[in-house]
Amino acid sequence: GTVDLVVVPGADHVDLYDRKDLVP
């Protein structure tokens, strides 16, 4: 109820630093 989680399909941890196209 207080924490929302967005799971990005096909991404690993590093992708969310390096691939702006995957960041929601």
PDBML (XML) file of the C-alpha atoms, coordinates in Angstrom:
<?xml version="1.0" encoding="UTF-8" ?>
<PDBx:datablock datablockName="MODEL"
   xmlns:PDBx="http://pdbml.pdb.org/schema/pdbx-v50.xsd"
   xmlns:xsi="http://www.w3.org/2001/XMLSchema-instance"
   xsi:schemaLocation="http://pdbml.pdb.org/schema/pdbx-v50.xsd pdbx-v50.xsd">
   <PDBx:atom_siteCategory>
      <PDBx:atom_site id="1">
         <PDBx:B_iso_or_equiv>0.00</PDBx:B_iso_or_equiv>
         <PDBx:Cartn_x>0.000</PDBx:Cartn_x>
         <PDBx:Cartn_y>0.000</PDBx:Cartn_y>
         <PDBx:Cartn_z>0.000</PDBx:Cartn_z>
         <PDBx:auth_asym_id>A</PDBx:auth_asym_id>
         <PDBx:auth_atom_id>CA</PDBx:auth_atom_id>
         <PDBx:auth_comp_id>GLY</PDBx:auth_comp_id>
         <PDBx:auth_seq_id>1</PDBx:auth_seq_id>
         <PDBx:group_PDB>ATOM</PDBx:group_PDB>
         <PDBx:label_alt_id xsi:nil="true" />
         <PDBx:label_asym_id>A</PDBx:label_asym_id>
         <PDBx:label_atom_id>CA</PDBx:label_atom_id>
         <PDBx:label_comp_id>GLY</PDBx:label_comp_id>
         <PDBx:label_entity_id>1</PDBx:label_entity_id>
         <PDBx:label_seq_id>1</PDBx:label_seq_id>
         <PDBx:occupancy>1.00</PDBx:occupancy>
         <PDBx:pdbx_PDB_model_num>1</PDBx:pdbx_PDB_model_num>
         <PDBx:type_symbol>C</PDBx:type_symbol>
      </PDBx:atom_site>
      <PDBx:atom_site id="2">
         <PDBx:B_iso_or_equiv>0.00</PDBx:B_iso_or_equiv>
         <PDBx:Cartn_x>2.927</PDBx:Cartn_x>
         <PDBx:Cartn_y>2.374</PDBx:Cartn_y>
         <PDBx:Cartn_z>0.418</PDBx:Cartn_z>
         <PDBx:auth_asym_id>A</PDBx:auth_asym_id>
         <PDBx:auth_atom_id>CA</PDBx:auth_atom_id>
         <PDBx:auth_comp_id>THR</PDBx:auth_comp_id>
         <PDBx:auth_seq_id>2</PDBx:auth_seq_id>
         <PDBx:group_PDB>ATOM</PDBx:group_PDB>
         <PDBx:label_alt_id xsi:nil="true" />
         <PDBx:label_asym_id>A</PDBx:label_asym_id>
         <PDBx:label_atom_id>CA</PDBx:label_atom_id>
         <PDBx:label_comp_id>THR</PDBx:label_comp_id>
         <PDBx:label_entity_id>1</PDBx:label_entity_id>
         <PDBx:label_seq_id>2</PDBx:label_seq_id>
         <PDBx:occupancy>1.00</PDBx:occupancy>
         <PDBx:pdbx_PDB_model_num>1</PDBx:pdbx_PDB_model_num>
         <PDBx:type_symbol>C</PDBx:type_symbol>
      </PDBx:atom_site>
      <PDBx:atom_site id="3">
         <PDBx:B_iso_or_equiv>0.00</PDBx:B_iso_or_equiv>
         <PDBx:Cartn_x>5.537</PDBx:Cartn_x>
         <PDBx:Cartn_y>0.813</PDBx:Cartn_y>
         <PDBx:Cartn_z>-1.840</PDBx:Cartn_z>
         <PDBx:auth_asym_id>A</PDBx:auth_asym_id>
         <PDBx:auth_atom_id>CA</PDBx:auth_atom_id>
         <PDBx:auth_comp_id>VAL</PDBx:auth_comp_id>
         <PDBx:auth_seq_id>3</PDBx:auth_seq_id>
         <PDBx:group_PDB>ATOM</PDBx:group_PDB>
         <PDBx:label_alt_id xsi:nil="true" />
         <PDBx:label_asym_id>A</PDBx:label_asym_id>
         <PDBx:label_atom_id>CA</PDBx:label_atom_id>
         <PDBx:label_comp_id>VAL</PDBx:label_comp_id>
         <PDBx:label_entity_id>1</PDBx:label_entity_id>
         <PDBx:label_seq_id>3</PDBx:label_seq_id>
         <PDBx:occupancy>1.00</PDBx:occupancy>
         <PDBx:pdbx_PDB_model_num>1</PDBx:pdbx_PDB_model_num>
         <PDBx:type_symbol>C</PDBx:type_symbol>
      </PDBx:atom_site>
      <PDBx:atom_site id="4">
         <PDBx:B_iso_or_equiv>0.00</PDBx:B_iso_or_equiv>
         <PDBx:Cartn_x>4.900</PDBx:Cartn_x>
         <PDBx:Cartn_y>0.476</PDBx:Cartn_y>
         <PDBx:Cartn_z>-5.561</PDBx:Cartn_z>
         <PDBx:auth_asym_id>A</PDBx:auth_asym_id>
         <PDBx:auth_atom_id>CA</PDBx:auth_atom_id>
         <PDBx:auth_comp_id>ASP</PDBx:auth_comp_id>
         <PDBx:auth_seq_id>4</PDBx:auth_seq_id>
         <PDBx:group_PDB>ATOM</PDBx:group_PDB>
         <PDBx:label_alt_id xsi:nil="true" />
         <PDBx:label_asym_id>A</PDBx:label_asym_id>
         <PDBx:label_atom_id>CA</PDBx:label_atom_id>
         <PDBx:label_comp_id>ASP</PDBx:label_comp_id>
         <PDBx:label_entity_id>1</PDBx:label_entity_id>
         <PDBx:label_seq_id>4</PDBx:label_seq_id>
         <PDBx:occupancy>1.00</PDBx:occupancy>
         <PDBx:pdbx_PDB_model_num>1</PDBx:pdbx_PDB_model_num>
         <PDBx:type_symbol>C</PDBx:type_symbol>
      </PDBx:atom_site>
      <PDBx:atom_site id="5">
         <PDBx:B_iso_or_equiv>0.00</PDBx:B_iso_or_equiv>
         <PDBx:Cartn_x>7.132</PDBx:Cartn_x>
         <PDBx:Cartn_y>-1.706</PDBx:Cartn_y>
         <PDBx:Cartn_z>-7.696</PDBx:Cartn_z>
         <PDBx:auth_asym_id>A</PDBx:auth_asym_id>
         <PDBx:auth_atom_id>CA</PDBx:auth_atom_id>
         <PDBx:auth_comp_id>LEU</PDBx:auth_comp_id>
         <PDBx:auth_seq_id>5</PDBx:auth_seq_id>
         <PDBx:group_PDB>ATOM</PDBx:group_PDB>
         <PDBx:label_alt_id xsi:nil="true" />
         <PDBx:label_asym_id>A</PDBx:label_asym_id>
         <PDBx:label_atom_id>CA</PDBx:label_atom_id>
         <PDBx:label_comp_id>LEU</PDBx:label_comp_id>
         <PDBx:label_entity_id>1</PDBx:label_entity_id>
         <PDBx:label_seq_id>5</PDBx:label_seq_id>
         <PDBx:occupancy>1.00</PDBx:occupancy>
         <PDBx:pdbx_PDB_model_num>1</PDBx:pdbx_PDB_model_num>
         <PDBx:type_symbol>C</PDBx:type_symbol>
      </PDBx:atom_site>
      <PDBx:atom_site id="6">
         <PDBx:B_iso_or_equiv>0.00</PDBx:B_iso_or_equiv>
         <PDBx:Cartn_x>7.724</PDBx:Cartn_x>
         <PDBx:Cartn_y>-1.291</PDBx:Cartn_y>
         <PDBx:Cartn_z>-11.412</PDBx:Cartn_z>
         <PDBx:auth_asym_id>A</PDBx:auth_asym_id>
         <PDBx:auth_atom_id>CA</PDBx:auth_atom_id>
         <PDBx:auth_comp_id>VAL</PDBx:auth_comp_id>
         <PDBx:auth_seq_id>6</PDBx:auth_seq_id>
         <PDBx:group_PDB>ATOM</PDBx:group_PDB>
         <PDBx:label_alt_id xsi:nil="true" />
         <PDBx:label_asym_id>A</PDBx:label_asym_id>
         <PDBx:label_atom_id>CA</PDBx:label_atom_id>
         <PDBx:label_comp_id>VAL</PDBx:label_comp_id>
         <PDBx:label_entity_id>1</PDBx:label_entity_id>
         <PDBx:label_seq_id>6</PDBx:label_seq_id>
         <PDBx:occupancy>1.00</PDBx:occupancy>
         <PDBx:pdbx_PDB_model_num>1</PDBx:pdbx_PDB_model_num>
         <PDBx:type_symbol>C</PDBx:type_symbol>
      </PDBx:atom_site>
      <PDBx:atom_site id="7">
         <PDBx:B_iso_or_equiv>0.00</PDBx:B_iso_or_equiv>
         <PDBx:Cartn_x>9.364</PDBx:Cartn_x>
         <PDBx:Cartn_y>-4.322</PDBx:Cartn_y>
         <PDBx:Cartn_z>-12.994</PDBx:Cartn_z>
         <PDBx:auth_asym_id>A</PDBx:auth_asym_id>
         <PDBx:auth_atom_id>CA</PDBx:auth_atom_id>
         <PDBx:auth_comp_id>VAL</PDBx:auth_comp_id>
         <PDBx:auth_seq_id>7</PDBx:auth_seq_id>
         <PDBx:group_PDB>ATOM</PDBx:group_PDB>
         <PDBx:label_alt_id xsi:nil="true" />
         <PDBx:label_asym_id>A</PDBx:label_asym_id>
         <PDBx:label_atom_id>CA</PDBx:label_atom_id>
         <PDBx:label_comp_id>VAL</PDBx:label_comp_id>
         <PDBx:label_entity_id>1</PDBx:label_entity_id>
         <PDBx:label_seq_id>7</PDBx:label_seq_id>
         <PDBx:occupancy>1.00</PDBx:occupancy>
         <PDBx:pdbx_PDB_model_num>1</PDBx:pdbx_PDB_model_num>
         <PDBx:type_symbol>C</PDBx:type_symbol>
      </PDBx:atom_site>
      <PDBx:atom_site id="8">
         <PDBx:B_iso_or_equiv>0.00</PDBx:B_iso_or_equiv>
         <PDBx:Cartn_x>10.984</PDBx:Cartn_x>
         <PDBx:Cartn_y>-3.531</PDBx:Cartn_y>
         <PDBx:Cartn_z>-16.335</PDBx:Cartn_z>
         <PDBx:auth_asym_id>A</PDBx:auth_asym_id>
         <PDBx:auth_atom_id>CA</PDBx:auth_atom_id>
         <PDBx:auth_comp_id>VAL</PDBx:auth_comp_id>
         <PDBx:auth_seq_id>8</PDBx:auth_seq_id>
         <PDBx:group_PDB>ATOM</PDBx:group_PDB>
         <PDBx:label_alt_id xsi:nil="true" />
         <PDBx:label_asym_id>A</PDBx:label_asym_id>
         <PDBx:label_atom_id>CA</PDBx:label_atom_id>
         <PDBx:label_comp_id>VAL</PDBx:label_comp_id>
         <PDBx:label_entity_id>1</PDBx:label_entity_id>
         <PDBx:label_seq_id>8</PDBx:label_seq_id>
         <PDBx:occupancy>1.00</PDBx:occupancy>
         <PDBx:pdbx_PDB_model_num>1</PDBx:pdbx_PDB_model_num>
         <PDBx:type_symbol>C</PDBx:type_symbol>
      </PDBx:atom_site>
      <PDBx:atom_site id="9">
         <PDBx:B_iso_or_equiv>0.00</PDBx:B_iso_or_equiv>
         <PDBx:Cartn_x>10.706</PDBx:Cartn_x>
         <PDBx:Cartn_y>-6.510</PDBx:Cartn_y>
         <PDBx:Cartn_z>-18.719</PDBx:Cartn_z>
         <PDBx:auth_asym_id>A</PDBx:auth_asym_id>
         <PDBx:auth_atom_id>CA</PDBx:auth_atom_id>
         <PDBx:auth_comp_id>PRO</PDBx:auth_comp_id>
         <PDBx:auth_seq_id>9</PDBx:auth_seq_id>
         <PDBx:group_PDB>ATOM</PDBx:group_PDB>
         <PDBx:label_alt_id xsi:nil="true" />
         <PDBx:label_asym_id>A</PDBx:label_asym_id>
         <PDBx:label_atom_id>CA</PDBx:label_atom_id>
         <PDBx:label_comp_id>PRO</PDBx:label_comp_id>
         <PDBx:label_entity_id>1</PDBx:label_entity_id>
         <PDBx:label_seq_id>9</PDBx:label_seq_id>
         <PDBx:occupancy>1.00</PDBx:occupancy>
         <PDBx:pdbx_PDB_model_num>1</PDBx:pdbx_PDB_model_num>
         <PDBx:type_symbol>C</PDBx:type_symbol>
      </PDBx:atom_site>
      <PDBx:atom_site id="10">
         <PDBx:B_iso_or_equiv>0.00</PDBx:B_iso_or_equiv>
         <PDBx:Cartn_x>13.959</PDBx:Cartn_x>
         <PDBx:Cartn_y>-7.756</PDBx:Cartn_y>
         <PDBx:Cartn_z>-20.208</PDBx:Cartn_z>
         <PDBx:auth_asym_id>A</PDBx:auth_asym_id>
         <PDBx:auth_atom_id>CA</PDBx:auth_atom_id>
         <PDBx:auth_comp_id>GLY</PDBx:auth_comp_id>
         <PDBx:auth_seq_id>10</PDBx:auth_seq_id>
         <PDBx:group_PDB>ATOM</PDBx:group_PDB>
         <PDBx:label_alt_id xsi:nil="true" />
         <PDBx:label_asym_id>A</PDBx:label_asym_id>
         <PDBx:label_atom_id>CA</PDBx:label_atom_id>
         <PDBx:label_comp_id>GLY</PDBx:label_comp_id>
         <PDBx:label_entity_id>1</PDBx:label_entity_id>
         <PDBx:label_seq_id>10</PDBx:label_seq_id>
         <PDBx:occupancy>1.00</PDBx:occupancy>
         <PDBx:pdbx_PDB_model_num>1</PDBx:pdbx_PDB_model_num>
         <PDBx:type_symbol>C</PDBx:type_symbol>
      </PDBx:atom_site>
      <PDBx:atom_site id="11">
         <PDBx:B_iso_or_equiv>0.00</PDBx:B_iso_or_equiv>
         <PDBx:Cartn_x>16.159</PDBx:Cartn_x>
         <PDBx:Cartn_y>-5.473</PDBx:Cartn_y>
         <PDBx:Cartn_z>-18.088</PDBx:Cartn_z>
         <PDBx:auth_asym_id>A</PDBx:auth_asym_id>
         <PDBx:auth_atom_id>CA</PDBx:auth_atom_id>
         <PDBx:auth_comp_id>ALA</PDBx:auth_comp_id>
         <PDBx:auth_seq_id>11</PDBx:auth_seq_id>
         <PDBx:group_PDB>ATOM</PDBx:group_PDB>
         <PDBx:label_alt_id xsi:nil="true" />
         <PDBx:label_asym_id>A</PDBx:label_asym_id>
         <PDBx:label_atom_id>CA</PDBx:label_atom_id>
         <PDBx:label_comp_id>ALA</PDBx:label_comp_id>
         <PDBx:label_entity_id>1</PDBx:label_entity_id>
         <PDBx:label_seq_id>11</PDBx:label_seq_id>
         <PDBx:occupancy>1.00</PDBx:occupancy>
         <PDBx:pdbx_PDB_model_num>1</PDBx:pdbx_PDB_model_num>
         <PDBx:type_symbol>C</PDBx:type_symbol>
      </PDBx:atom_site>
      <PDBx:atom_site id="12">
         <PDBx:B_iso_or_equiv>0.00</PDBx:B_iso_or_equiv>
         <PDBx:Cartn_x>18.821</PDBx:Cartn_x>
         <PDBx:Cartn_y>-6.380</PDBx:Cartn_y>
         <PDBx:Cartn_z>-15.594</PDBx:Cartn_z>
         <PDBx:auth_asym_id>A</PDBx:auth_asym_id>
         <PDBx:auth_atom_id>CA</PDBx:auth_atom_id>
         <PDBx:auth_comp_id>ASP</PDBx:auth_comp_id>
         <PDBx:auth_seq_id>12</PDBx:auth_seq_id>
         <PDBx:group_PDB>ATOM</PDBx:group_PDB>
         <PDBx:label_alt_id xsi:nil="true" />
         <PDBx:label_asym_id>A</PDBx:label_asym_id>
         <PDBx:label_atom_id>CA</PDBx:label_atom_id>
         <PDBx:label_comp_id>ASP</PDBx:label_comp_id>
         <PDBx:label_entity_id>1</PDBx:label_entity_id>
         <PDBx:label_seq_id>12</PDBx:label_seq_id>
         <PDBx:occupancy>1.00</PDBx:occupancy>
         <PDBx:pdbx_PDB_model_num>1</PDBx:pdbx_PDB_model_num>
         <PDBx:type_symbol>C</PDBx:type_symbol>
      </PDBx:atom_site>
      <PDBx:atom_site id="13">
         <PDBx:B_iso_or_equiv>0.00</PDBx:B_iso_or_equiv>
         <PDBx:Cartn_x>20.221</PDBx:Cartn_x>
         <PDBx:Cartn_y>-4.131</PDBx:Cartn_y>
         <PDBx:Cartn_z>-12.868</PDBx:Cartn_z>
         <PDBx:auth_asym_id>A</PDBx:auth_asym_id>
         <PDBx:auth_atom_id>CA</PDBx:auth_atom_id>
         <PDBx:auth_comp_id>HIS</PDBx:auth_comp_id>
         <PDBx:auth_seq_id>13</PDBx:auth_seq_id>
         <PDBx:group_PDB>ATOM</PDBx:group_PDB>
         <PDBx:label_alt_id xsi:nil="true" />
         <PDBx:label_asym_id>A</PDBx:label_asym_id>
         <PDBx:label_atom_id>CA</PDBx:label_atom_id>
         <PDBx:label_comp_id>HIS</PDBx:label_comp_id>
         <PDBx:label_entity_id>1</PDBx:label_entity_id>
         <PDBx:label_seq_id>13</PDBx:label_seq_id>
         <PDBx:occupancy>1.00</PDBx:occupancy>
         <PDBx:pdbx_PDB_model_num>1</PDBx:pdbx_PDB_model_num>
         <PDBx:type_symbol>C</PDBx:type_symbol>
      </PDBx:atom_site>
      <PDBx:atom_site id="14">
         <PDBx:B_iso_or_equiv>0.00</PDBx:B_iso_or_equiv>
         <PDBx:Cartn_x>22.883</PDBx:Cartn_x>
         <PDBx:Cartn_y>-2.465</PDBx:Cartn_y>
         <PDBx:Cartn_z>-15.018</PDBx:Cartn_z>
         <PDBx:auth_asym_id>A</PDBx:auth_asym_id>
         <PDBx:auth_atom_id>CA</PDBx:auth_atom_id>
         <PDBx:auth_comp_id>VAL</PDBx:auth_comp_id>
         <PDBx:auth_seq_id>14</PDBx:auth_seq_id>
         <PDBx:group_PDB>ATOM</PDBx:group_PDB>
         <PDBx:label_alt_id xsi:nil="true" />
         <PDBx:label_asym_id>A</PDBx:label_asym_id>
         <PDBx:label_atom_id>CA</PDBx:label_atom_id>
         <PDBx:label_comp_id>VAL</PDBx:label_comp_id>
         <PDBx:label_entity_id>1</PDBx:label_entity_id>
         <PDBx:label_seq_id>14</PDBx:label_seq_id>
         <PDBx:occupancy>1.00</PDBx:occupancy>
         <PDBx:pdbx_PDB_model_num>1</PDBx:pdbx_PDB_model_num>
         <PDBx:type_symbol>C</PDBx:type_symbol>
      </PDBx:atom_site>
      <PDBx:atom_site id="15">
         <PDBx:B_iso_or_equiv>0.00</PDBx:B_iso_or_equiv>
         <PDBx:Cartn_x>20.475</PDBx:Cartn_x>
         <PDBx:Cartn_y>-1.843</PDBx:Cartn_y>
         <PDBx:Cartn_z>-17.908</PDBx:Cartn_z>
         <PDBx:auth_asym_id>A</PDBx:auth_asym_id>
         <PDBx:auth_atom_id>CA</PDBx:auth_atom_id>
         <PDBx:auth_comp_id>ASP</PDBx:auth_comp_id>
         <PDBx:auth_seq_id>15</PDBx:auth_seq_id>
         <PDBx:group_PDB>ATOM</PDBx:group_PDB>
         <PDBx:label_alt_id xsi:nil="true" />
         <PDBx:label_asym_id>A</PDBx:label_asym_id>
         <PDBx:label_atom_id>CA</PDBx:label_atom_id>
         <PDBx:label_comp_id>ASP</PDBx:label_comp_id>
         <PDBx:label_entity_id>1</PDBx:label_entity_id>
         <PDBx:label_seq_id>15</PDBx:label_seq_id>
         <PDBx:occupancy>1.00</PDBx:occupancy>
         <PDBx:pdbx_PDB_model_num>1</PDBx:pdbx_PDB_model_num>
         <PDBx:type_symbol>C</PDBx:type_symbol>
      </PDBx:atom_site>
      <PDBx:atom_site id="16">
         <PDBx:B_iso_or_equiv>0.00</PDBx:B_iso_or_equiv>
         <PDBx:Cartn_x>18.578</PDBx:Cartn_x>
         <PDBx:Cartn_y>0.636</PDBx:Cartn_y>
         <PDBx:Cartn_z>-15.766</PDBx:Cartn_z>
         <PDBx:auth_asym_id>A</PDBx:auth_asym_id>
         <PDBx:auth_atom_id>CA</PDBx:auth_atom_id>
         <PDBx:auth_comp_id>LEU</PDBx:auth_comp_id>
         <PDBx:auth_seq_id>16</PDBx:auth_seq_id>
         <PDBx:group_PDB>ATOM</PDBx:group_PDB>
         <PDBx:label_alt_id xsi:nil="true" />
         <PDBx:label_asym_id>A</PDBx:label_asym_id>
         <PDBx:label_atom_id>CA</PDBx:label_atom_id>
         <PDBx:label_comp_id>LEU</PDBx:label_comp_id>
         <PDBx:label_entity_id>1</PDBx:label_entity_id>
         <PDBx:label_seq_id>16</PDBx:label_seq_id>
         <PDBx:occupancy>1.00</PDBx:occupancy>
         <PDBx:pdbx_PDB_model_num>1</PDBx:pdbx_PDB_model_num>
         <PDBx:type_symbol>C</PDBx:type_symbol>
      </PDBx:atom_site>
      <PDBx:atom_site id="17">
         <PDBx:B_iso_or_equiv>0.00</PDBx:B_iso_or_equiv>
         <PDBx:Cartn_x>21.751</PDBx:Cartn_x>
         <PDBx:Cartn_y>2.709</PDBx:Cartn_y>
         <PDBx:Cartn_z>-15.442</PDBx:Cartn_z>
         <PDBx:auth_asym_id>A</PDBx:auth_asym_id>
         <PDBx:auth_atom_id>CA</PDBx:auth_atom_id>
         <PDBx:auth_comp_id>TYR</PDBx:auth_comp_id>
         <PDBx:auth_seq_id>17</PDBx:auth_seq_id>
         <PDBx:group_PDB>ATOM</PDBx:group_PDB>
         <PDBx:label_alt_id xsi:nil="true" />
         <PDBx:label_asym_id>A</PDBx:label_asym_id>
         <PDBx:label_atom_id>CA</PDBx:label_atom_id>
         <PDBx:label_comp_id>TYR</PDBx:label_comp_id>
         <PDBx:label_entity_id>1</PDBx:label_entity_id>
         <PDBx:label_seq_id>17</PDBx:label_seq_id>
         <PDBx:occupancy>1.00</PDBx:occupancy>
         <PDBx:pdbx_PDB_model_num>1</PDBx:pdbx_PDB_model_num>
         <PDBx:type_symbol>C</PDBx:type_symbol>
      </PDBx:atom_site>
      <PDBx:atom_site id="18">
         <PDBx:B_iso_or_equiv>0.00</PDBx:B_iso_or_equiv>
         <PDBx:Cartn_x>22.967</PDBx:Cartn_x>
         <PDBx:Cartn_y>2.408</PDBx:Cartn_y>
         <PDBx:Cartn_z>-19.005</PDBx:Cartn_z>
         <PDBx:auth_asym_id>A</PDBx:auth_asym_id>
         <PDBx:auth_atom_id>CA</PDBx:auth_atom_id>
         <PDBx:auth_comp_id>ASP</PDBx:auth_comp_id>
         <PDBx:auth_seq_id>18</PDBx:auth_seq_id>
         <PDBx:group_PDB>ATOM</PDBx:group_PDB>
         <PDBx:label_alt_id xsi:nil="true" />
         <PDBx:label_asym_id>A</PDBx:label_asym_id>
         <PDBx:label_atom_id>CA</PDBx:label_atom_id>
         <PDBx:label_comp_id>ASP</PDBx:label_comp_id>
         <PDBx:label_entity_id>1</PDBx:label_entity_id>
         <PDBx:label_seq_id>18</PDBx:label_seq_id>
         <PDBx:occupancy>1.00</PDBx:occupancy>
         <PDBx:pdbx_PDB_model_num>1</PDBx:pdbx_PDB_model_num>
         <PDBx:type_symbol>C</PDBx:type_symbol>
      </PDBx:atom_site>
      <PDBx:atom_site id="19">
         <PDBx:B_iso_or_equiv>0.00</PDBx:B_iso_or_equiv>
         <PDBx:Cartn_x>19.865</PDBx:Cartn_x>
         <PDBx:Cartn_y>2.142</PDBx:Cartn_y>
         <PDBx:Cartn_z>-21.196</PDBx:Cartn_z>
         <PDBx:auth_asym_id>A</PDBx:auth_asym_id>
         <PDBx:auth_atom_id>CA</PDBx:auth_atom_id>
         <PDBx:auth_comp_id>ARG</PDBx:auth_comp_id>
         <PDBx:auth_seq_id>19</PDBx:auth_seq_id>
         <PDBx:group_PDB>ATOM</PDBx:group_PDB>
         <PDBx:label_alt_id xsi:nil="true" />
         <PDBx:label_asym_id>A</PDBx:label_asym_id>
         <PDBx:label_atom_id>CA</PDBx:label_atom_id>
         <PDBx:label_comp_id>ARG</PDBx:label_comp_id>
         <PDBx:label_entity_id>1</PDBx:label_entity_id>
         <PDBx:label_seq_id>19</PDBx:label_seq_id>
         <PDBx:occupancy>1.00</PDBx:occupancy>
         <PDBx:pdbx_PDB_model_num>1</PDBx:pdbx_PDB_model_num>
         <PDBx:type_symbol>C</PDBx:type_symbol>
      </PDBx:atom_site>
      <PDBx:atom_site id="20">
         <PDBx:B_iso_or_equiv>0.00</PDBx:B_iso_or_equiv>
         <PDBx:Cartn_x>17.657</PDBx:Cartn_x>
         <PDBx:Cartn_y>5.194</PDBx:Cartn_y>
         <PDBx:Cartn_z>-20.975</PDBx:Cartn_z>
         <PDBx:auth_asym_id>A</PDBx:auth_asym_id>
         <PDBx:auth_atom_id>CA</PDBx:auth_atom_id>
         <PDBx:auth_comp_id>LYS</PDBx:auth_comp_id>
         <PDBx:auth_seq_id>20</PDBx:auth_seq_id>
         <PDBx:group_PDB>ATOM</PDBx:group_PDB>
         <PDBx:label_alt_id xsi:nil="true" />
         <PDBx:label_asym_id>A</PDBx:label_asym_id>
         <PDBx:label_atom_id>CA</PDBx:label_atom_id>
         <PDBx:label_comp_id>LYS</PDBx:label_comp_id>
         <PDBx:label_entity_id>1</PDBx:label_entity_id>
         <PDBx:label_seq_id>20</PDBx:label_seq_id>
         <PDBx:occupancy>1.00</PDBx:occupancy>
         <PDBx:pdbx_PDB_model_num>1</PDBx:pdbx_PDB_model_num>
         <PDBx:type_symbol>C</PDBx:type_symbol>
      </PDBx:atom_site>
      <PDBx:atom_site id="21">
         <PDBx:B_iso_or_equiv>0.00</PDBx:B_iso_or_equiv>
         <PDBx:Cartn_x>15.215</PDBx:Cartn_x>
         <PDBx:Cartn_y>3.591</PDBx:Cartn_y>
         <PDBx:Cartn_z>-23.405</PDBx:Cartn_z>
         <PDBx:auth_asym_id>A</PDBx:auth_asym_id>
         <PDBx:auth_atom_id>CA</PDBx:auth_atom_id>
         <PDBx:auth_comp_id>ASP</PDBx:auth_comp_id>
         <PDBx:auth_seq_id>21</PDBx:auth_seq_id>
         <PDBx:group_PDB>ATOM</PDBx:group_PDB>
         <PDBx:label_alt_id xsi:nil="true" />
         <PDBx:label_asym_id>A</PDBx:label_asym_id>
         <PDBx:label_atom_id>CA</PDBx:label_atom_id>
         <PDBx:label_comp_id>ASP</PDBx:label_comp_id>
         <PDBx:label_entity_id>1</PDBx:label_entity_id>
         <PDBx:label_seq_id>21</PDBx:label_seq_id>
         <PDBx:occupancy>1.00</PDBx:occupancy>
         <PDBx:pdbx_PDB_model_num>1</PDBx:pdbx_PDB_model_num>
         <PDBx:type_symbol>C</PDBx:type_symbol>
      </PDBx:atom_site>
      <PDBx:atom_site id="22">
         <PDBx:B_iso_or_equiv>0.00</PDBx:B_iso_or_equiv>
         <PDBx:Cartn_x>14.293</PDBx:Cartn_x>
         <PDBx:Cartn_y>1.057</PDBx:Cartn_y>
         <PDBx:Cartn_z>-20.700</PDBx:Cartn_z>
         <PDBx:auth_asym_id>A</PDBx:auth_asym_id>
         <PDBx:auth_atom_id>CA</PDBx:auth_atom_id>
         <PDBx:auth_comp_id>LEU</PDBx:auth_comp_id>
         <PDBx:auth_seq_id>22</PDBx:auth_seq_id>
         <PDBx:group_PDB>ATOM</PDBx:group_PDB>
         <PDBx:label_alt_id xsi:nil="true" />
         <PDBx:label_asym_id>A</PDBx:label_asym_id>
         <PDBx:label_atom_id>CA</PDBx:label_atom_id>
         <PDBx:label_comp_id>LEU</PDBx:label_comp_id>
         <PDBx:label_entity_id>1</PDBx:label_entity_id>
         <PDBx:label_seq_id>22</PDBx:label_seq_id>
         <PDBx:occupancy>1.00</PDBx:occupancy>
         <PDBx:pdbx_PDB_model_num>1</PDBx:pdbx_PDB_model_num>
         <PDBx:type_symbol>C</PDBx:type_symbol>
      </PDBx:atom_site>
      <PDBx:atom_site id="23">
         <PDBx:B_iso_or_equiv>0.00</PDBx:B_iso_or_equiv>
         <PDBx:Cartn_x>13.783</PDBx:Cartn_x>
         <PDBx:Cartn_y>3.503</PDBx:Cartn_y>
         <PDBx:Cartn_z>-17.838</PDBx:Cartn_z>
         <PDBx:auth_asym_id>A</PDBx:auth_asym_id>
         <PDBx:auth_atom_id>CA</PDBx:auth_atom_id>
         <PDBx:auth_comp_id>VAL</PDBx:auth_comp_id>
         <PDBx:auth_seq_id>23</PDBx:auth_seq_id>
         <PDBx:group_PDB>ATOM</PDBx:group_PDB>
         <PDBx:label_alt_id xsi:nil="true" />
         <PDBx:label_asym_id>A</PDBx:label_asym_id>
         <PDBx:label_atom_id>CA</PDBx:label_atom_id>
         <PDBx:label_comp_id>VAL</PDBx:label_comp_id>
         <PDBx:label_entity_id>1</PDBx:label_entity_id>
         <PDBx:label_seq_id>23</PDBx:label_seq_id>
         <PDBx:occupancy>1.00</PDBx:occupancy>
         <PDBx:pdbx_PDB_model_num>1</PDBx:pdbx_PDB_model_num>
         <PDBx:type_symbol>C</PDBx:type_symbol>
      </PDBx:atom_site>
      <PDBx:atom_site id="24">
         <PDBx:B_iso_or_equiv>0.00</PDBx:B_iso_or_equiv>
         <PDBx:Cartn_x>10.037</PDBx:Cartn_x>
         <PDBx:Cartn_y>4.017</PDBx:Cartn_y>
         <PDBx:Cartn_z>-17.209</PDBx:Cartn_z>
         <PDBx:auth_asym_id>A</PDBx:auth_asym_id>
         <PDBx:auth_atom_id>CA</PDBx:auth_atom_id>
         <PDBx:auth_comp_id>PRO</PDBx:auth_comp_id>
         <PDBx:auth_seq_id>24</PDBx:auth_seq_id>
         <PDBx:group_PDB>ATOM</PDBx:group_PDB>
         <PDBx:label_alt_id xsi:nil="true" />
         <PDBx:label_asym_id>A</PDBx:label_asym_id>
         <PDBx:label_atom_id>CA</PDBx:label_atom_id>
         <PDBx:label_comp_id>PRO</PDBx:label_comp_id>
         <PDBx:label_entity_id>1</PDBx:label_entity_id>
         <PDBx:label_seq_id>24</PDBx:label_seq_id>
         <PDBx:occupancy>1.00</PDBx:occupancy>
         <PDBx:pdbx_PDB_model_num>1</PDBx:pdbx_PDB_model_num>
         <PDBx:type_symbol>C</PDBx:type_symbol>
      </PDBx:atom_site>
   </PDBx:atom_siteCategory>
</PDBx:datablock>
